[in-house]
């Protein structure tokens, strides 16, 4: 009996829809962290801008890694 080679797991609709929610959640966490840093150290626009950019970058990295998994 010959075994078939393992196939790549296809992303279904629920996986794809959850990616958008996860991306928004990651950015939201970073934005709230930046807001906290702004209030704590009185550096008003710097923290939120820096952390939102970091959150966006990390969110994109997460999306790419998640879609290439398996």
PDB file of N, CA and C in Angstrom:
ATOM      1  N   UNK A   1       0.846  -1.172   0.000  1.00  0.00           N
ATOM      2  CA  UNK A   1       0.000   0.000   0.000  1.00  0.00           C
ATOM      3  C   UNK A   1       0.897   1.242   0.000  1.00  0.00           C
ATOM      4  N   UNK A   2       0.655   2.156  -0.913  1.00  0.00           N
ATOM      5  CA  UNK A   2       1.465   3.368  -1.032  1.00  0.00           C
ATOM      6  C   UNK A   2       0.747   4.519  -0.333  1.00  0.00           C
ATOM      7  N   UNK A   3       1.477   5.165   0.572  1.00  0.00           N
ATOM      8  CA  UNK A   3       0.904   6.314   1.272  1.00  0.00           C
ATOM      9  C   UNK A   3       1.026   7.561   0.404  1.00  0.00           C
ATOM     10  N   UNK A   4       0.014   8.395   0.479  1.00  0.00           N
ATOM     11  CA  UNK A   4       0.054   9.663  -0.241  1.00  0.00           C
ATOM     12  C   UNK A   4       0.937  10.641   0.527  1.00  0.00           C
ATOM     13  N   UNK A   5       1.643  11.516  -0.167  1.00  0.00           N
ATOM     14  CA  UNK A   5       2.445  12.516   0.541  1.00  0.00           C
ATOM     15  C   UNK A   5       1.533  13.491   1.280  1.00  0.00           C
ATOM     16  N   UNK A   6       1.980  13.995   2.410  1.00  0.00           N
ATOM     17  CA  UNK A   6       1.123  14.924   3.162  1.00  0.00           C
ATOM     18  C   UNK A   6       0.876  16.202   2.363  1.00  0.00           C
ATOM     19  N   UNK A   7      -0.366  16.652   2.403  1.00  0.00           N
ATOM     20  CA  UNK A   7      -0.728  17.861   1.676  1.00  0.00           C
ATOM     21  C   UNK A   7      -0.659  19.065   2.611  1.00  0.00           C
ATOM     22  N   UNK A   8      -0.439  20.235   2.008  1.00  0.00           N
ATOM     23  CA  UNK A   8      -0.442  21.459   2.806  1.00  0.00           C
ATOM     24  C   UNK A   8      -1.851  21.717   3.313  1.00  0.00           C
ATOM     25  N   UNK A   9      -1.925  22.160   4.542  1.00  0.00           N
ATOM     26  CA  UNK A   9      -3.225  22.507   5.101  1.00  0.00           C
ATOM     27  C   UNK A   9      -3.672  23.833   4.492  1.00  0.00           C
ATOM     28  N   UNK A  10      -4.863  23.846   3.959  1.00  0.00           N
ATOM     29  CA  UNK A  10      -5.377  25.062   3.352  1.00  0.00           C
ATOM     30  C   UNK A  10      -6.037  25.924   4.422  1.00  0.00           C
ATOM     31  N   UNK A  11      -5.867  27.231   4.279  1.00  0.00           N
ATOM     32  CA  UNK A  11      -6.526  28.149   5.193  1.00  0.00           C
ATOM     33  C   UNK A  11      -8.001  28.222   4.827  1.00  0.00           C
ATOM     34  N   UNK A  12      -8.852  27.982   5.788  1.00  0.00           N
ATOM     35  CA  UNK A  12     -10.273  28.087   5.504  1.00  0.00           C
ATOM     36  C   UNK A  12     -10.773  29.486   5.854  1.00  0.00           C
ATOM     37  N   UNK A  13     -12.040  29.712   5.666  1.00  0.00           N
ATOM     38  CA  UNK A  13     -12.617  31.039   5.849  1.00  0.00           C
ATOM     39  C   UNK A  13     -12.472  31.533   7.282  1.00  0.00           C
ATOM     40  N   UNK A  14     -12.626  30.658   8.255  1.00  0.00           N
ATOM     41  CA  UNK A  14     -12.521  31.083   9.656  1.00  0.00           C
ATOM     42  C   UNK A  14     -11.095  31.479  10.008  1.00  0.00           C
ATOM     43  N   UNK A  15     -10.115  30.774   9.477  1.00  0.00           N
ATOM     44  CA  UNK A  15      -8.721  31.153   9.722  1.00  0.00           C
ATOM     45  C   UNK A  15      -8.426  32.529   9.151  1.00  0.00           C
ATOM     46  N   UNK A  16      -8.917  32.781   7.950  1.00  0.00           N
ATOM     47  CA  UNK A  16      -8.663  34.069   7.313  1.00  0.00           C
ATOM     48  C   UNK A  16      -9.379  35.207   8.027  1.00  0.00           C
ATOM     49  N   UNK A  17     -10.598  34.960   8.479  1.00  0.00           N
ATOM     50  CA  UNK A  17     -11.323  36.024   9.170  1.00  0.00           C
ATOM     51  C   UNK A  17     -10.718  36.311  10.535  1.00  0.00           C
ATOM     52  N   UNK A  18     -10.152  35.323  11.167  1.00  0.00           N
ATOM     53  CA  UNK A  18      -9.540  35.564  12.472  1.00  0.00           C
ATOM     54  C   UNK A  18      -8.225  36.325  12.346  1.00  0.00           C
ATOM     55  N   UNK A  19      -7.585  36.277  11.188  1.00  0.00           N
ATOM     56  CA  UNK A  19      -6.332  37.008  10.999  1.00  0.00           C
ATOM     57  C   UNK A  19      -6.531  38.513  11.137  1.00  0.00           C
ATOM     58  N   UNK A  20      -7.617  39.031  10.613  1.00  0.00           N
ATOM     59  CA  UNK A  20      -7.899  40.459  10.728  1.00  0.00           C
ATOM     60  C   UNK A  20      -8.125  40.886  12.166  1.00  0.00           C
ATOM     61  N   UNK A  21      -8.841  40.066  12.911  1.00  0.00           N
ATOM     62  CA  UNK A  21      -9.087  40.364  14.322  1.00  0.00           C
ATOM     63  C   UNK A  21      -7.786  40.308  15.111  1.00  0.00           C
ATOM     64  N   UNK A  22      -6.956  39.321  14.843  1.00  0.00           N
ATOM     65  CA  UNK A  22      -5.678  39.207  15.542  1.00  0.00           C
ATOM     66  C   UNK A  22      -4.753  40.374  15.202  1.00  0.00           C
ATOM     67  N   UNK A  23      -4.755  40.799  13.940  1.00  0.00           N
ATOM     68  CA  UNK A  23      -3.938  41.934  13.516  1.00  0.00           C
ATOM     69  C   UNK A  23      -4.376  43.204  14.250  1.00  0.00           C
ATOM     70  N   UNK A  24      -5.684  43.437  14.315  1.00  0.00           N
ATOM     71  CA  UNK A  24      -6.205  44.614  15.011  1.00  0.00           C
ATOM     72  C   UNK A  24      -5.910  44.543  16.506  1.00  0.00           C
ATOM     73  N   UNK A  25      -5.991  43.360  17.088  1.00  0.00           N
ATOM     74  CA  UNK A  25      -5.708  43.189  18.511  1.00  0.00           C
ATOM     75  C   UNK A  25      -4.244  43.517  18.813  1.00  0.00           C
ATOM     76  N   UNK A  26      -3.335  43.051  17.978  1.00  0.00           N
ATOM     77  CA  UNK A  26      -1.906  43.323  18.176  1.00  0.00           C
ATOM     78  C   UNK A  26      -1.639  44.820  18.100  1.00  0.00           C
ATOM     79  N   UNK A  27      -2.194  45.481  17.093  1.00  0.00           N
ATOM     80  CA  UNK A  27      -1.992  46.924  16.965  1.00  0.00           C
ATOM     81  C   UNK A  27      -2.607  47.651  18.157  1.00  0.00           C
ATOM     82  N   UNK A  28      -3.785  47.225  18.588  1.00  0.00           N
ATOM     83  CA  UNK A  28      -4.437  47.855  19.737  1.00  0.00           C
ATOM     84  C   UNK A  28      -3.616  47.749  21.007  1.00  0.00           C
ATOM     85  N   UNK A  29      -3.033  46.594  21.257  1.00  0.00           N
ATOM     86  CA  UNK A  29      -2.189  46.416  22.444  1.00  0.00           C
ATOM     87  C   UNK A  29      -0.999  47.366  22.394  1.00  0.00           C
ATOM     88  N   UNK A  30      -0.369  47.483  21.233  1.00  0.00           N
ATOM     89  CA  UNK A  30       0.781  48.374  21.109  1.00  0.00           C
ATOM     90  C   UNK A  30       0.375  49.845  21.244  1.00  0.00           C
ATOM     91  N   UNK A  31      -0.774  50.226  20.699  1.00  0.00           N
ATOM     92  CA  UNK A  31      -1.234  51.613  20.813  1.00  0.00           C
ATOM     93  C   UNK A  31      -1.539  51.957  22.267  1.00  0.00           C
ATOM     94  N   UNK A  32      -2.208  51.064  22.981  1.00  0.00           N
ATOM     95  CA  UNK A  32      -2.488  51.322  24.393  1.00  0.00           C
ATOM     96  C   UNK A  32      -1.204  51.374  25.211  1.00  0.00           C
ATOM     97  N   UNK A  33      -0.231  50.558  24.854  1.00  0.00           N
ATOM     98  CA  UNK A  33       1.069  50.615  25.534  1.00  0.00           C
ATOM     99  C   UNK A  33       1.759  51.947  25.260  1.00  0.00           C
ATOM    100  N   UNK A  34       1.695  52.413  24.028  1.00  0.00           N
ATOM    101  CA  UNK A  34       2.280  53.706  23.685  1.00  0.00           C
ATOM    102  C   UNK A  34       1.593  54.850  24.403  1.00  0.00           C
ATOM    103  N   UNK A  35       0.288  54.762  24.546  1.00  0.00           N
ATOM    104  CA  UNK A  35      -0.457  55.781  25.282  1.00  0.00           C
ATOM    105  C   UNK A  35      -0.047  55.787  26.755  1.00  0.00           C
ATOM    106  N   UNK A  36       0.148  54.625  27.318  1.00  0.00           N
ATOM    107  CA  UNK A  36       0.595  54.527  28.710  1.00  0.00           C
ATOM    108  C   UNK A  36       1.979  55.155  28.878  1.00  0.00           C
ATOM    109  N   UNK A  37       2.879  54.865  27.956  1.00  0.00           N
ATOM    110  CA  UNK A  37       4.231  55.441  27.999  1.00  0.00           C
ATOM    111  C   UNK A  37       4.164  56.965  27.871  1.00  0.00           C
ATOM    112  N   UNK A  38       3.298  57.456  26.984  1.00  0.00           N
ATOM    113  CA  UNK A  38       3.132  58.904  26.830  1.00  0.00           C
ATOM    114  C   UNK A  38       2.691  59.560  28.132  1.00  0.00           C
ATOM    115  N   UNK A  39       1.701  58.969  28.788  1.00  0.00           N
ATOM    116  CA  UNK A  39       1.200  59.547  30.033  1.00  0.00           C
ATOM    117  C   UNK A  39       2.212  59.416  31.168  1.00  0.00           C
ATOM    118  N   UNK A  40       2.927  58.321  31.203  1.00  0.00           N
ATOM    119  CA  UNK A  40       3.883  58.071  32.287  1.00  0.00           C
ATOM    120  C   UNK A  40       5.075  59.019  32.221  1.00  0.00           C
ATOM    121  N   UNK A  41       5.610  59.245  31.022  1.00  0.00           N
ATOM    122  CA  UNK A  41       6.832  60.033  30.879  1.00  0.00           C
ATOM    123  C   UNK A  41       6.597  61.410  30.249  1.00  0.00           C
ATOM    124  N   UNK A  42       5.356  61.784  30.000  1.00  0.00           N
ATOM    125  CA  UNK A  42       4.985  63.089  29.424  1.00  0.00           C
ATOM    126  C   UNK A  42       5.727  63.381  28.114  1.00  0.00           C
ATOM    127  N   UNK A  43       5.720  62.422  27.220  1.00  0.00           N
ATOM    128  CA  UNK A  43       6.333  62.601  25.892  1.00  0.00           C
ATOM    129  C   UNK A  43       5.247  62.389  24.839  1.00  0.00           C
ATOM    130  N   UNK A  44       4.270  63.264  24.861  1.00  0.00           N
ATOM    131  CA  UNK A  44       2.980  63.046  24.232  1.00  0.00           C
ATOM    132  C   UNK A  44       2.945  62.311  22.893  1.00  0.00           C
ATOM    133  N   UNK A  45       3.411  62.805  21.794  1.00  0.00           N
ATOM    134  CA  UNK A  45       3.144  62.031  20.578  1.00  0.00           C
ATOM    135  C   UNK A  45       4.153  60.917  20.308  1.00  0.00           C
ATOM    136  N   UNK A  46       5.282  60.934  21.004  1.00  0.00           N
ATOM    137  CA  UNK A  46       6.369  60.010  20.658  1.00  0.00           C
ATOM    138  C   UNK A  46       6.002  58.557  20.950  1.00  0.00           C
ATOM    139  N   UNK A  47       5.496  58.282  22.120  1.00  0.00           N
ATOM    140  CA  UNK A  47       5.201  56.905  22.515  1.00  0.00           C
ATOM    141  C   UNK A  47       4.147  56.253  21.656  1.00  0.00           C
ATOM    142  N   UNK A  48       3.059  56.966  21.431  1.00  0.00           N
ATOM    143  CA  UNK A  48       1.974  56.362  20.664  1.00  0.00           C
ATOM    144  C   UNK A  48       2.371  56.167  19.202  1.00  0.00           C
ATOM    145  N   UNK A  49       3.145  57.106  18.641  1.00  0.00           N
ATOM    146  CA  UNK A  49       3.598  56.942  17.256  1.00  0.00           C
ATOM    147  C   UNK A  49       4.588  55.790  17.130  1.00  0.00           C
ATOM    148  N   UNK A  50       5.525  55.729  18.047  1.00  0.00           N
ATOM    149  CA  UNK A  50       6.531  54.673  18.010  1.00  0.00           C
ATOM    150  C   UNK A  50       5.904  53.295  18.211  1.00  0.00           C
ATOM    151  N   UNK A  51       5.055  53.183  19.224  1.00  0.00           N
ATOM    152  CA  UNK A  51       4.463  51.882  19.521  1.00  0.00           C
ATOM    153  C   UNK A  51       3.438  51.460  18.472  1.00  0.00           C
ATOM    154  N   UNK A  52       2.728  52.414  17.864  1.00  0.00           N
ATOM    155  CA  UNK A  52       1.796  52.020  16.806  1.00  0.00           C
ATOM    156  C   UNK A  52       2.554  51.526  15.574  1.00  0.00           C
ATOM    157  N   UNK A  53       3.697  52.150  15.268  1.00  0.00           N
ATOM    158  CA  UNK A  53       4.521  51.665  14.152  1.00  0.00           C
ATOM    159  C   UNK A  53       5.093  50.284  14.464  1.00  0.00           C
ATOM    160  N   UNK A  54       5.552  50.099  15.702  1.00  0.00           N
ATOM    161  CA  UNK A  54       6.059  48.779  16.098  1.00  0.00           C
ATOM    162  C   UNK A  54       4.954  47.726  16.053  1.00  0.00           C
ATOM    163  N   UNK A  55       3.772  48.089  16.505  1.00  0.00           N
ATOM    164  CA  UNK A  55       2.641  47.167  16.469  1.00  0.00           C
ATOM    165  C   UNK A  55       2.253  46.787  15.059  1.00  0.00           C
ATOM    166  N   UNK A  56       2.278  47.761  14.158  1.00  0.00           N
ATOM    167  CA  UNK A  56       1.961  47.477  12.762  1.00  0.00           C
ATOM    168  C   UNK A  56       2.994  46.534  12.153  1.00  0.00           C
ATOM    169  N   UNK A  57       4.259  46.802  12.442  1.00  0.00           N
ATOM    170  CA  UNK A  57       5.325  45.937  11.928  1.00  0.00           C
ATOM    171  C   UNK A  57       5.243  44.530  12.482  1.00  0.00           C
ATOM    172  N   UNK A  58       5.022  44.419  13.786  1.00  0.00           N
ATOM    173  CA  UNK A  58       4.899  43.100  14.392  1.00  0.00           C
ATOM    174  C   UNK A  58       3.652  42.381  13.891  1.00  0.00           C
ATOM    175  N   UNK A  59       2.570  43.134  13.693  1.00  0.00           N
ATOM    176  CA  UNK A  59       1.343  42.534  13.164  1.00  0.00           C
ATOM    177  C   UNK A  59       1.540  41.966  11.769  1.00  0.00           C
ATOM    178  N   UNK A  60       2.245  42.702  10.920  1.00  0.00           N
ATOM    179  CA  UNK A  60       2.538  42.188   9.576  1.00  0.00           C
ATOM    180  C   UNK A  60       3.426  40.951   9.634  1.00  0.00           C
ATOM    181  N   UNK A  61       4.422  40.996  10.501  1.00  0.00           N
ATOM    182  CA  UNK A  61       5.301  39.837  10.676  1.00  0.00           C
ATOM    183  C   UNK A  61       4.488  38.618  11.119  1.00  0.00           C
ATOM    184  N   UNK A  62       3.580  38.825  12.062  1.00  0.00           N
ATOM    185  CA  UNK A  62       2.740  37.735  12.557  1.00  0.00           C
ATOM    186  C   UNK A  62       1.849  37.181  11.441  1.00  0.00           C
ATOM    187  N   UNK A  63       1.268  38.070  10.640  1.00  0.00           N
ATOM    188  CA  UNK A  63       0.413  37.615   9.543  1.00  0.00           C
ATOM    189  C   UNK A  63       1.186  36.772   8.537  1.00  0.00           C
ATOM    190  N   UNK A  64       2.381  37.220   8.190  1.00  0.00           N
ATOM    191  CA  UNK A  64       3.192  36.474   7.219  1.00  0.00           C
ATOM    192  C   UNK A  64       3.571  35.114   7.786  1.00  0.00           C
ATOM    193  N   UNK A  65       4.021  35.081   9.028  1.00  0.00           N
ATOM    194  CA  UNK A  65       4.411  33.803   9.637  1.00  0.00           C
ATOM    195  C   UNK A  65       3.216  32.865   9.772  1.00  0.00           C
ATOM    196  N   UNK A  66       2.065  33.402  10.119  1.00  0.00           N
ATOM    197  CA  UNK A  66       0.884  32.563  10.321  1.00  0.00           C
ATOM    198  C   UNK A  66       0.386  31.980   9.006  1.00  0.00           C
ATOM    199  N   UNK A  67       0.450  32.765   7.931  1.00  0.00           N
ATOM    200  CA  UNK A  67      -0.043  32.251   6.651  1.00  0.00           C
ATOM    201  C   UNK A  67       0.942  31.290   6.001  1.00  0.00           C
ATOM    202  N   UNK A  68       2.223  31.393   6.329  1.00  0.00           N
ATOM    203  CA  UNK A  68       3.214  30.479   5.762  1.00  0.00           C
ATOM    204  C   UNK A  68       3.372  29.216   6.593  1.00  0.00           C
ATOM    205  N   UNK A  69       2.757  29.171   7.756  1.00  0.00           N
ATOM    206  CA  UNK A  69       2.869  28.011   8.632  1.00  0.00           C
ATOM    207  C   UNK A  69       2.197  26.806   7.977  1.00  0.00           C
ATOM    208  N   UNK A  70       2.841  25.697   8.070  1.00  0.00           N
ATOM    209  CA  UNK A  70       2.350  24.431   7.512  1.00  0.00           C
ATOM    210  C   UNK A  70       2.281  24.546   6.060  1.00  0.00           C
TER     211      UNK A  70
END
